[in-house]
Amino acid sequence: MLRTQVTDDRAAAREDYSRFLRGTLSPEQVGELPAVLIGSPEQLADQLIARRARFGFDYVTVQESALDTFAKVIALLR
């Protein structure tokens, strides 16, 4: 994953990432990127399930800085 962020305020986090990208993508577009996961652990798990169905993703990798928080997502997928 290019970006993995566990947060309770998904809209604000997508807005922040849109600004980080210098507005080249809207927050809505950020939410549709297959390599970006932003939301609560439950939302991230749901996104991964949906992306597996849509794109056929069986494996994902996350950046080292996201390992601890992503463990909560993995627990939901088991």
PDB file of N, CA and C in Angstrom:
ATOM      1  N   MET A   1       0.838  -1.162   0.000  1.00  0.00           N
ATOM      2  CA  MET A   1       0.000   0.000   0.000  1.00  0.00           C
ATOM      3  C   MET A   1       0.893   1.238   0.000  1.00  0.00           C
ATOM      4  N   LEU A   2       0.473   2.182  -0.767  1.00  0.00           N
ATOM      5  CA  LEU A   2       1.180   3.450  -0.818  1.00  0.00           C
ATOM      6  C   LEU A   2       0.947   4.237   0.463  1.00  0.00           C
ATOM      7  N   ARG A   3      -0.288   4.197   0.933  1.00  0.00           N
ATOM      8  CA  ARG A   3      -0.636   4.895   2.175  1.00  0.00           C
ATOM      9  C   ARG A   3      -1.642   4.052   2.941  1.00  0.00           C
ATOM     10  N   THR A   4      -1.347   3.828   4.206  1.00  0.00           N
ATOM     11  CA  THR A   4      -2.247   3.121   5.101  1.00  0.00           C
ATOM     12  C   THR A   4      -2.385   3.972   6.346  1.00  0.00           C
ATOM     13  N   GLN A   5      -3.596   4.440   6.611  1.00  0.00           N
ATOM     14  CA  GLN A   5      -3.811   5.303   7.766  1.00  0.00           C
ATOM     15  C   GLN A   5      -5.073   4.871   8.500  1.00  0.00           C
ATOM     16  N   VAL A   6      -4.897   4.473   9.746  1.00  0.00           N
ATOM     17  CA  VAL A   6      -6.034   4.126  10.592  1.00  0.00           C
ATOM     18  C   VAL A   6      -6.467   5.392  11.315  1.00  0.00           C
ATOM     19  N   THR A   7      -7.729   5.750  11.138  1.00  0.00           N
ATOM     20  CA  THR A   7      -8.263   6.977  11.717  1.00  0.00           C
ATOM     21  C   THR A   7      -9.766   6.861  11.894  1.00  0.00           C
ATOM     22  N   ASP A   8     -10.291   7.621  12.839  1.00  0.00           N
ATOM     23  CA  ASP A   8     -11.741   7.687  13.016  1.00  0.00           C
ATOM     24  C   ASP A   8     -12.361   8.777  12.154  1.00  0.00           C
ATOM     25  N   ASP A   9     -11.516   9.636  11.569  1.00  0.00           N
ATOM     26  CA  ASP A   9     -12.016  10.729  10.732  1.00  0.00           C
ATOM     27  C   ASP A   9     -11.511  10.545   9.305  1.00  0.00           C
ATOM     28  N   ARG A  10     -12.161   9.648   8.602  1.00  0.00           N
ATOM     29  CA  ARG A  10     -11.751   9.288   7.242  1.00  0.00           C
ATOM     30  C   ARG A  10     -11.762  10.496   6.301  1.00  0.00           C
ATOM     31  N   ALA A  11     -12.799  11.306   6.379  1.00  0.00           N
ATOM     32  CA  ALA A  11     -12.919  12.453   5.474  1.00  0.00           C
ATOM     33  C   ALA A  11     -11.761  13.429   5.656  1.00  0.00           C
ATOM     34  N   ALA A  12     -11.419  13.732   6.899  1.00  0.00           N
ATOM     35  CA  ALA A  12     -10.318  14.662   7.162  1.00  0.00           C
ATOM     36  C   ALA A  12      -8.986  14.077   6.700  1.00  0.00           C
ATOM     37  N   ALA A  13      -8.790  12.787   6.903  1.00  0.00           N
ATOM     38  CA  ALA A  13      -7.538  12.150   6.488  1.00  0.00           C
ATOM     39  C   ALA A  13      -7.406  12.140   4.970  1.00  0.00           C
ATOM     40  N   ARG A  14      -8.507  11.906   4.275  1.00  0.00           N
ATOM     41  CA  ARG A  14      -8.460  11.954   2.807  1.00  0.00           C
ATOM     42  C   ARG A  14      -8.178  13.371   2.324  1.00  0.00           C
ATOM     43  N   GLU A  15      -8.757  14.345   2.990  1.00  0.00           N
ATOM     44  CA  GLU A  15      -8.494  15.752   2.656  1.00  0.00           C
ATOM     45  C   GLU A  15      -7.020  16.073   2.867  1.00  0.00           C
ATOM     46  N   ASP A  16      -6.455  15.630   3.985  1.00  0.00           N
ATOM     47  CA  ASP A  16      -5.032  15.853   4.261  1.00  0.00           C
ATOM     48  C   ASP A  16      -4.156  15.227   3.183  1.00  0.00           C
ATOM     49  N   TYR A  17      -4.494  14.011   2.778  1.00  0.00           N
ATOM     50  CA  TYR A  17      -3.686  13.346   1.755  1.00  0.00           C
ATOM     51  C   TYR A  17      -3.843  14.036   0.405  1.00  0.00           C
ATOM     52  N   SER A  18      -5.026  14.538   0.122  1.00  0.00           N
ATOM     53  CA  SER A  18      -5.240  15.307  -1.105  1.00  0.00           C
ATOM     54  C   SER A  18      -4.347  16.548  -1.109  1.00  0.00           C
ATOM     55  N   ARG A  19      -4.273  17.223   0.032  1.00  0.00           N
ATOM     56  CA  ARG A  19      -3.391  18.400   0.135  1.00  0.00           C
ATOM     57  C   ARG A  19      -1.932  17.990  -0.016  1.00  0.00           C
ATOM     58  N   PHE A  20      -1.550  16.851   0.583  1.00  0.00           N
ATOM     59  CA  PHE A  20      -0.188  16.341   0.452  1.00  0.00           C
ATOM     60  C   PHE A  20       0.160  16.124  -1.018  1.00  0.00           C
ATOM     61  N   LEU A  21      -0.828  15.682  -1.792  1.00  0.00           N
ATOM     62  CA  LEU A  21      -0.635  15.468  -3.228  1.00  0.00           C
ATOM     63  C   LEU A  21      -0.802  16.759  -4.024  1.00  0.00           C
ATOM     64  N   ARG A  22      -0.841  17.866  -3.314  1.00  0.00           N
ATOM     65  CA  ARG A  22      -0.949  19.210  -3.901  1.00  0.00           C
ATOM     66  C   ARG A  22      -2.207  19.381  -4.735  1.00  0.00           C
ATOM     67  N   GLY A  23      -3.272  18.718  -4.292  1.00  0.00           N
ATOM     68  CA  GLY A  23      -4.560  18.887  -4.948  1.00  0.00           C
ATOM     69  C   GLY A  23      -4.688  18.219  -6.301  1.00  0.00           C
ATOM     70  N   THR A  24      -3.728  17.374  -6.665  1.00  0.00           N
ATOM     71  CA  THR A  24      -3.826  16.700  -7.968  1.00  0.00           C
ATOM     72  C   THR A  24      -4.973  15.694  -7.994  1.00  0.00           C
ATOM     73  N   LEU A  25      -5.394  15.247  -6.818  1.00  0.00           N
ATOM     74  CA  LEU A  25      -6.552  14.363  -6.687  1.00  0.00           C
ATOM     75  C   LEU A  25      -7.467  14.923  -5.608  1.00  0.00           C
ATOM     76  N   SER A  26      -8.758  14.818  -5.830  1.00  0.00           N
ATOM     77  CA  SER A  26      -9.721  15.245  -4.816  1.00  0.00           C
ATOM     78  C   SER A  26      -9.743  14.211  -3.688  1.00  0.00           C
ATOM     79  N   PRO A  27     -10.279  14.578  -2.532  1.00  0.00           N
ATOM     80  CA  PRO A  27     -10.404  13.588  -1.461  1.00  0.00           C
ATOM     81  C   PRO A  27     -11.210  12.360  -1.895  1.00  0.00           C
ATOM     82  N   GLU A  28     -12.219  12.558  -2.723  1.00  0.00           N
ATOM     83  CA  GLU A  28     -13.012  11.433  -3.216  1.00  0.00           C
ATOM     84  C   GLU A  28     -12.160  10.511  -4.092  1.00  0.00           C
ATOM     85  N   GLN A  29     -11.318  11.107  -4.944  1.00  0.00           N
ATOM     86  CA  GLN A  29     -10.437  10.310  -5.793  1.00  0.00           C
ATOM     87  C   GLN A  29      -9.410   9.556  -4.954  1.00  0.00           C
ATOM     88  N   VAL A  30      -8.910  10.203  -3.907  1.00  0.00           N
ATOM     89  CA  VAL A  30      -7.970   9.544  -3.000  1.00  0.00           C
ATOM     90  C   VAL A  30      -8.610   8.279  -2.432  1.00  0.00           C
ATOM     91  N   GLY A  31      -9.884   8.367  -2.075  1.00  0.00           N
ATOM     92  CA  GLY A  31     -10.595   7.226  -1.514  1.00  0.00           C
ATOM     93  C   GLY A  31     -10.772   6.074  -2.480  1.00  0.00           C
ATOM     94  N   GLU A  32     -10.663   6.338  -3.768  1.00  0.00           N
ATOM     95  CA  GLU A  32     -10.832   5.295  -4.784  1.00  0.00           C
ATOM     96  C   GLU A  32      -9.515   4.658  -5.221  1.00  0.00           C
ATOM     97  N   LEU A  33      -8.396   5.196  -4.773  1.00  0.00           N
ATOM     98  CA  LEU A  33      -7.098   4.647  -5.177  1.00  0.00           C
ATOM     99  C   LEU A  33      -6.893   3.253  -4.583  1.00  0.00           C
ATOM    100  N   PRO A  34      -6.588   2.263  -5.399  1.00  0.00           N
ATOM    101  CA  PRO A  34      -6.392   0.905  -4.886  1.00  0.00           C
ATOM    102  C   PRO A  34      -5.219   0.783  -3.915  1.00  0.00           C
ATOM    103  N   ALA A  35      -4.255   1.686  -3.991  1.00  0.00           N
ATOM    104  CA  ALA A  35      -3.062   1.596  -3.154  1.00  0.00           C
ATOM    105  C   ALA A  35      -3.143   2.471  -1.908  1.00  0.00           C
ATOM    106  N   VAL A  36      -4.326   2.999  -1.611  1.00  0.00           N
ATOM    107  CA  VAL A  36      -4.503   3.860  -0.444  1.00  0.00           C
ATOM    108  C   VAL A  36      -5.622   3.295   0.421  1.00  0.00           C
ATOM    109  N   LEU A  37      -5.325   3.113   1.695  1.00  0.00           N
ATOM    110  CA  LEU A  37      -6.324   2.671   2.670  1.00  0.00           C
ATOM    111  C   LEU A  37      -6.382   3.698   3.793  1.00  0.00           C
ATOM    112  N   ILE A  38      -7.533   4.318   3.968  1.00  0.00           N
ATOM    113  CA  ILE A  38      -7.714   5.313   5.015  1.00  0.00           C
ATOM    114  C   ILE A  38      -9.059   5.048   5.683  1.00  0.00           C
ATOM    115  N   GLY A  39      -9.054   4.941   7.003  1.00  0.00           N
ATOM    116  CA  GLY A  39     -10.294   4.758   7.745  1.00  0.00           C
ATOM    117  C   GLY A  39     -10.062   3.969   9.020  1.00  0.00           C
ATOM    118  N   SER A  40     -11.149   3.553   9.631  1.00  0.00           N
ATOM    119  CA  SER A  40     -11.074   2.728  10.839  1.00  0.00           C
ATOM    120  C   SER A  40     -10.602   1.327  10.448  1.00  0.00           C
ATOM    121  N   PRO A  41     -10.166   0.539  11.412  1.00  0.00           N
ATOM    122  CA  PRO A  41      -9.772  -0.830  11.072  1.00  0.00           C
ATOM    123  C   PRO A  41     -10.879  -1.588  10.343  1.00  0.00           C
ATOM    124  N   GLU A  42     -12.114  -1.392  10.761  1.00  0.00           N
ATOM    125  CA  GLU A  42     -13.244  -2.059  10.110  1.00  0.00           C
ATOM    126  C   GLU A  42     -13.409  -1.593   8.668  1.00  0.00           C
ATOM    127  N   GLN A  43     -13.264  -0.285   8.449  1.00  0.00           N
ATOM    128  CA  GLN A  43     -13.377   0.255   7.090  1.00  0.00           C
ATOM    129  C   GLN A  43     -12.255  -0.260   6.204  1.00  0.00           C
ATOM    130  N   LEU A  44     -11.035  -0.345   6.749  1.00  0.00           N
ATOM    131  CA  LEU A  44      -9.913  -0.854   5.967  1.00  0.00           C
ATOM    132  C   LEU A  44     -10.128  -2.314   5.600  1.00  0.00           C
ATOM    133  N   ALA A  45     -10.628  -3.101   6.538  1.00  0.00           N
ATOM    134  CA  ALA A  45     -10.909  -4.508   6.246  1.00  0.00           C
ATOM    135  C   ALA A  45     -11.965  -4.615   5.148  1.00  0.00           C
ATOM    136  N   ASP A  46     -13.012  -3.802   5.246  1.00  0.00           N
ATOM    137  CA  ASP A  46     -14.057  -3.807   4.213  1.00  0.00           C
ATOM    138  C   ASP A  46     -13.499  -3.392   2.858  1.00  0.00           C
ATOM    139  N   GLN A  47     -12.620  -2.385   2.855  1.00  0.00           N
ATOM    140  CA  GLN A  47     -12.004  -1.941   1.600  1.00  0.00           C
ATOM    141  C   GLN A  47     -11.179  -3.060   0.980  1.00  0.00           C
ATOM    142  N   LEU A  48     -10.421  -3.761   1.798  1.00  0.00           N
ATOM    143  CA  LEU A  48      -9.589  -4.847   1.274  1.00  0.00           C
ATOM    144  C   LEU A  48     -10.435  -5.969   0.691  1.00  0.00           C
ATOM    145  N   ILE A  49     -11.527  -6.298   1.349  1.00  0.00           N
ATOM    146  CA  ILE A  49     -12.425  -7.336   0.828  1.00  0.00           C
ATOM    147  C   ILE A  49     -13.015  -6.897  -0.506  1.00  0.00           C
ATOM    148  N   ALA A  50     -13.438  -5.642  -0.582  1.00  0.00           N
ATOM    149  CA  ALA A  50     -14.015  -5.116  -1.829  1.00  0.00           C
ATOM    150  C   ALA A  50     -12.975  -5.078  -2.943  1.00  0.00           C
ATOM    151  N   ARG A  51     -11.757  -4.700  -2.615  1.00  0.00           N
ATOM    152  CA  ARG A  51     -10.709  -4.622  -3.640  1.00  0.00           C
ATOM    153  C   ARG A  51     -10.264  -6.008  -4.092  1.00  0.00           C
ATOM    154  N   ARG A  52     -10.356  -6.963  -3.198  1.00  0.00           N
ATOM    155  CA  ARG A  52     -10.048  -8.334  -3.617  1.00  0.00           C
ATOM    156  C   ARG A  52     -11.078  -8.792  -4.647  1.00  0.00           C
ATOM    157  N   ALA A  53     -12.342  -8.503  -4.384  1.00  0.00           N
ATOM    158  CA  ALA A  53     -13.402  -8.890  -5.321  1.00  0.00           C
ATOM    159  C   ALA A  53     -13.276  -8.140  -6.643  1.00  0.00           C
ATOM    160  N   ARG A  54     -12.935  -6.864  -6.565  1.00  0.00           N
ATOM    161  CA  ARG A  54     -12.884  -6.031  -7.775  1.00  0.00           C
ATOM    162  C   ARG A  54     -11.617  -6.243  -8.590  1.00  0.00           C
ATOM    163  N   PHE A  55     -10.465  -6.268  -7.890  1.00  0.00           N
ATOM    164  CA  PHE A  55      -9.181  -6.293  -8.590  1.00  0.00           C
ATOM    165  C   PHE A  55      -8.457  -7.639  -8.501  1.00  0.00           C
ATOM    166  N   GLY A  56      -8.914  -8.525  -7.622  1.00  0.00           N
ATOM    167  CA  GLY A  56      -8.259  -9.814  -7.460  1.00  0.00           C
ATOM    168  C   GLY A  56      -7.039  -9.792  -6.559  1.00  0.00           C
ATOM    169  N   PHE A  57      -6.898  -8.754  -5.730  1.00  0.00           N
ATOM    170  CA  PHE A  57      -5.750  -8.673  -4.826  1.00  0.00           C
ATOM    171  C   PHE A  57      -5.838  -9.764  -3.768  1.00  0.00           C
ATOM    172  N   ASP A  58      -4.796 -10.584  -3.672  1.00  0.00           N
ATOM    173  CA  ASP A  58      -4.724 -11.605  -2.632  1.00  0.00           C
ATOM    174  C   ASP A  58      -3.751 -11.225  -1.529  1.00  0.00           C
ATOM    175  N   TYR A  59      -2.783 -10.397  -1.852  1.00  0.00           N
ATOM    176  CA  TYR A  59      -1.756  -9.994  -0.907  1.00  0.00           C
ATOM    177  C   TYR A  59      -1.602  -8.487  -0.954  1.00  0.00           C
ATOM    178  N   VAL A  60      -1.284  -7.915   0.195  1.00  0.00           N
ATOM    179  CA  VAL A  60      -0.949  -6.499   0.246  1.00  0.00           C
ATOM    180  C   VAL A  60       0.291  -6.340   1.112  1.00  0.00           C
ATOM    181  N   THR A  61       1.023  -5.305   0.853  1.00  0.00           N
ATOM    182  CA  THR A  61       2.146  -4.933   1.704  1.00  0.00           C
ATOM    183  C   THR A  61       1.889  -3.530   2.208  1.00  0.00           C
ATOM    184  N   VAL A  62       2.343  -3.273   3.411  1.00  0.00           N
ATOM    185  CA  VAL A  62       2.205  -1.939   3.983  1.00  0.00           C
ATOM    186  C   VAL A  62       3.578  -1.452   4.400  1.00  0.00           C
ATOM    187  N   GLN A  63       3.694  -0.168   4.529  1.00  0.00           N
ATOM    188  CA  GLN A  63       4.964   0.402   4.951  1.00  0.00           C
ATOM    189  C   GLN A  63       5.224   0.045   6.413  1.00  0.00           C
ATOM    190  N   GLU A  64       6.483  -0.019   6.758  1.00  0.00           N
ATOM    191  CA  GLU A  64       6.868  -0.422   8.108  1.00  0.00           C
ATOM    192  C   GLU A  64       6.207   0.444   9.178  1.00  0.00           C
ATOM    193  N   SER A  65       6.045   1.711   8.900  1.00  0.00           N
ATOM    194  CA  SER A  65       5.442   2.615   9.883  1.00  0.00           C
ATOM    195  C   SER A  65       3.980   2.274  10.175  1.00  0.00           C
ATOM    196  N   ALA A  66       3.347   1.484   9.315  1.00  0.00           N
ATOM    197  CA  ALA A  66       1.934   1.128   9.491  1.00  0.00           C
ATOM    198  C   ALA A  66       1.738  -0.272  10.071  1.00  0.00           C
ATOM    199  N   LEU A  67       2.809  -0.985  10.345  1.00  0.00           N
ATOM    200  CA  LEU A  67       2.686  -2.385  10.767  1.00  0.00           C
ATOM    201  C   LEU A  67       1.845  -2.566  12.027  1.00  0.00           C
ATOM    202  N   ASP A  68       2.121  -1.790  13.048  1.00  0.00           N
ATOM    203  CA  ASP A  68       1.412  -1.977  14.315  1.00  0.00           C
ATOM    204  C   ASP A  68      -0.081  -1.700  14.188  1.00  0.00           C
ATOM    205  N   THR A  69      -0.436  -0.615  13.527  1.00  0.00           N
ATOM    206  CA  THR A  69      -1.856  -0.292  13.392  1.00  0.00           C
ATOM    207  C   THR A  69      -2.546  -1.232  12.412  1.00  0.00           C
ATOM    208  N   PHE A  70      -1.829  -1.718  11.409  1.00  0.00           N
ATOM    209  CA  PHE A  70      -2.431  -2.610  10.424  1.00  0.00           C
ATOM    210  C   PHE A  70      -2.715  -3.989  11.015  1.00  0.00           C
ATOM    211  N   ALA A  71      -2.055  -4.326  12.106  1.00  0.00           N
ATOM    212  CA  ALA A  71      -2.313  -5.610  12.765  1.00  0.00           C
ATOM    213  C   ALA A  71      -3.782  -5.727  13.171  1.00  0.00           C
ATOM    214  N   LYS A  72      -4.403  -4.611  13.538  1.00  0.00           N
ATOM    215  CA  LYS A  72      -5.828  -4.615  13.897  1.00  0.00           C
ATOM    216  C   LYS A  72      -6.690  -4.996  12.695  1.00  0.00           C
ATOM    217  N   VAL A  73      -6.278  -4.567  11.522  1.00  0.00           N
ATOM    218  CA  VAL A  73      -7.015  -4.878  10.295  1.00  0.00           C
ATOM    219  C   VAL A  73      -6.876  -6.363   9.978  1.00  0.00           C
ATOM    220  N   ILE A  74      -5.672  -6.873  10.092  1.00  0.00           N
ATOM    221  CA  ILE A  74      -5.428  -8.290   9.812  1.00  0.00           C
ATOM    222  C   ILE A  74      -6.273  -9.165  10.729  1.00  0.00           C
ATOM    223  N   ALA A  75      -6.366  -8.776  11.991  1.00  0.00           N
ATOM    224  CA  ALA A  75      -7.168  -9.553  12.940  1.00  0.00           C
ATOM    225  C   ALA A  75      -8.628  -9.626  12.501  1.00  0.00           C
ATOM    226  N   LEU A  76      -9.136  -8.575  11.895  1.00  0.00           N
ATOM    227  CA  LEU A  76     -10.523  -8.558  11.426  1.00  0.00           C
ATOM    228  C   LEU A  76     -10.730  -9.426  10.190  1.00  0.00           C
ATOM    229  N   LEU A  77      -9.676  -9.644   9.433  1.00  0.00           N
ATOM    230  CA  LEU A  77      -9.781 -10.410   8.194  1.00  0.00           C
ATOM    231  C   LEU A  77      -9.618 -11.911   8.406  1.00  0.00           C
ATOM    232  N   ARG A  78      -9.197 -12.314   9.572  1.00  0.00           N
ATOM    233  CA  ARG A  78      -8.960 -13.745   9.840  1.00  0.00           C
ATOM    234  C   ARG A  78     -10.218 -14.446  10.238  1.00  0.00           C
TER     235      ARG A  78
END
